[in-house]
């Protein structure tokens, strides 16, 4: 398969190195704070659930960017 995507990098375990653990922590803390504001400011329901899911998705994608250095 010919591709510019480095599948080995994308689908491998990347143990934290250097300041990565701190960067992961900062992202999680900021995402949790935002999620708390969303829960406090919006009624329970499908849109609130979707907002929390998207915050989680954004956090996971940011973590992947750190891990894969992409």
C-alpha atoms as a PDB file:
ATOM      1  CA  UNK A   1       0.000   0.000   0.000  1.00  0.00           C
ATOM      2  CA  UNK A   2       1.405   3.365  -1.004  1.00  0.00           C
ATOM      3  CA  UNK A   3       0.428   6.270   1.197  1.00  0.00           C
ATOM      4  CA  UNK A   4       1.801   9.351   2.867  1.00  0.00           C
ATOM      5  CA  UNK A   5       0.143   8.241   6.103  1.00  0.00           C
ATOM      6  CA  UNK A   6       2.504   6.558   8.558  1.00  0.00           C
ATOM      7  CA  UNK A   7       0.183   3.812   9.793  1.00  0.00           C
ATOM      8  CA  UNK A   8       2.897   2.284  11.963  1.00  0.00           C
ATOM      9  CA  UNK A   9       3.178   5.552  13.869  1.00  0.00           C
ATOM     10  CA  UNK A  10      -0.590   6.054  14.113  1.00  0.00           C
ATOM     11  CA  UNK A  11      -1.299   2.574  15.437  1.00  0.00           C
ATOM     12  CA  UNK A  12       1.603   2.080  17.824  1.00  0.00           C
ATOM     13  CA  UNK A  13       1.907   2.629  21.556  1.00  0.00           C
ATOM     14  CA  UNK A  14       3.864   5.773  22.338  1.00  0.00           C
ATOM     15  CA  UNK A  15       5.104   5.886  25.936  1.00  0.00           C
ATOM     16  CA  UNK A  16       5.327   9.461  27.216  1.00  0.00           C
ATOM     17  CA  UNK A  17       8.716  11.087  26.871  1.00  0.00           C
ATOM     18  CA  UNK A  18      10.101  14.448  27.845  1.00  0.00           C
ATOM     19  CA  UNK A  19       7.346  16.900  28.747  1.00  0.00           C
ATOM     20  CA  UNK A  20       4.554  14.908  27.100  1.00  0.00           C
ATOM     21  CA  UNK A  21       3.021  13.676  30.389  1.00  0.00           C
ATOM     22  CA  UNK A  22       2.718  17.280  31.576  1.00  0.00           C
ATOM     23  CA  UNK A  23       1.154  18.329  28.278  1.00  0.00           C
ATOM     24  CA  UNK A  24      -1.386  15.484  28.503  1.00  0.00           C
ATOM     25  CA  UNK A  25      -2.268  16.587  32.041  1.00  0.00           C
ATOM     26  CA  UNK A  26      -2.740  20.217  30.987  1.00  0.00           C
ATOM     27  CA  UNK A  27      -5.057  19.161  28.157  1.00  0.00           C
ATOM     28  CA  UNK A  28      -7.126  16.912  30.434  1.00  0.00           C
ATOM     29  CA  UNK A  29      -7.455  19.624  33.062  1.00  0.00           C
ATOM     30  CA  UNK A  30      -8.582  22.230  30.529  1.00  0.00           C
ATOM     31  CA  UNK A  31     -11.019  19.806  28.890  1.00  0.00           C
ATOM     32  CA  UNK A  32     -12.504  18.826  32.260  1.00  0.00           C
ATOM     33  CA  UNK A  33     -12.953  22.472  33.206  1.00  0.00           C
ATOM     34  CA  UNK A  34     -14.719  23.170  29.907  1.00  0.00           C
ATOM     35  CA  UNK A  35     -16.895  20.059  30.308  1.00  0.00           C
ATOM     36  CA  UNK A  36     -17.882  21.201  33.802  1.00  0.00           C
ATOM     37  CA  UNK A  37     -18.967  24.578  32.415  1.00  0.00           C
ATOM     38  CA  UNK A  38     -20.995  22.855  29.706  1.00  0.00           C
ATOM     39  CA  UNK A  39     -22.753  20.630  32.274  1.00  0.00           C
ATOM     40  CA  UNK A  40     -23.425  23.577  34.606  1.00  0.00           C
ATOM     41  CA  UNK A  41     -24.681  25.828  31.794  1.00  0.00           C
ATOM     42  CA  UNK A  42     -26.814  23.528  29.660  1.00  0.00           C
ATOM     43  CA  UNK A  43     -29.853  21.341  30.247  1.00  0.00           C
ATOM     44  CA  UNK A  44     -29.390  17.580  30.351  1.00  0.00           C
ATOM     45  CA  UNK A  45     -30.177  16.030  27.030  1.00  0.00           C
ATOM     46  CA  UNK A  46     -28.833  14.881  23.717  1.00  0.00           C
ATOM     47  CA  UNK A  47     -27.062  18.153  22.908  1.00  0.00           C
ATOM     48  CA  UNK A  48     -25.305  18.255  26.274  1.00  0.00           C
ATOM     49  CA  UNK A  49     -24.203  14.649  25.808  1.00  0.00           C
ATOM     50  CA  UNK A  50     -22.959  15.444  22.312  1.00  0.00           C
ATOM     51  CA  UNK A  51     -21.016  18.466  23.591  1.00  0.00           C
ATOM     52  CA  UNK A  52     -19.290  16.370  26.265  1.00  0.00           C
ATOM     53  CA  UNK A  53     -18.519  13.647  23.713  1.00  0.00           C
ATOM     54  CA  UNK A  54     -16.962  16.214  21.364  1.00  0.00           C
ATOM     55  CA  UNK A  55     -14.841  17.691  24.161  1.00  0.00           C
ATOM     56  CA  UNK A  56     -13.625  14.175  24.911  1.00  0.00           C
ATOM     57  CA  UNK A  57     -12.972  13.560  21.217  1.00  0.00           C
ATOM     58  CA  UNK A  58     -11.020  16.809  20.906  1.00  0.00           C
ATOM     59  CA  UNK A  59      -8.932  15.888  23.953  1.00  0.00           C
ATOM     60  CA  UNK A  60      -8.177  12.432  22.577  1.00  0.00           C
ATOM     61  CA  UNK A  61      -7.207  13.889  19.202  1.00  0.00           C
ATOM     62  CA  UNK A  62      -4.933  16.445  20.858  1.00  0.00           C
ATOM     63  CA  UNK A  63      -3.335  13.638  22.893  1.00  0.00           C
ATOM     64  CA  UNK A  64      -2.746  11.710  19.682  1.00  0.00           C
ATOM     65  CA  UNK A  65      -1.087  14.758  18.159  1.00  0.00           C
ATOM     66  CA  UNK A  66       1.306  14.866  21.108  1.00  0.00           C
ATOM     67  CA  UNK A  67       1.979  11.121  21.055  1.00  0.00           C
ATOM     68  CA  UNK A  68       2.451  10.810  17.304  1.00  0.00           C
ATOM     69  CA  UNK A  69       4.107  14.211  16.926  1.00  0.00           C
ATOM     70  CA  UNK A  70       1.775  15.063  14.055  1.00  0.00           C
END
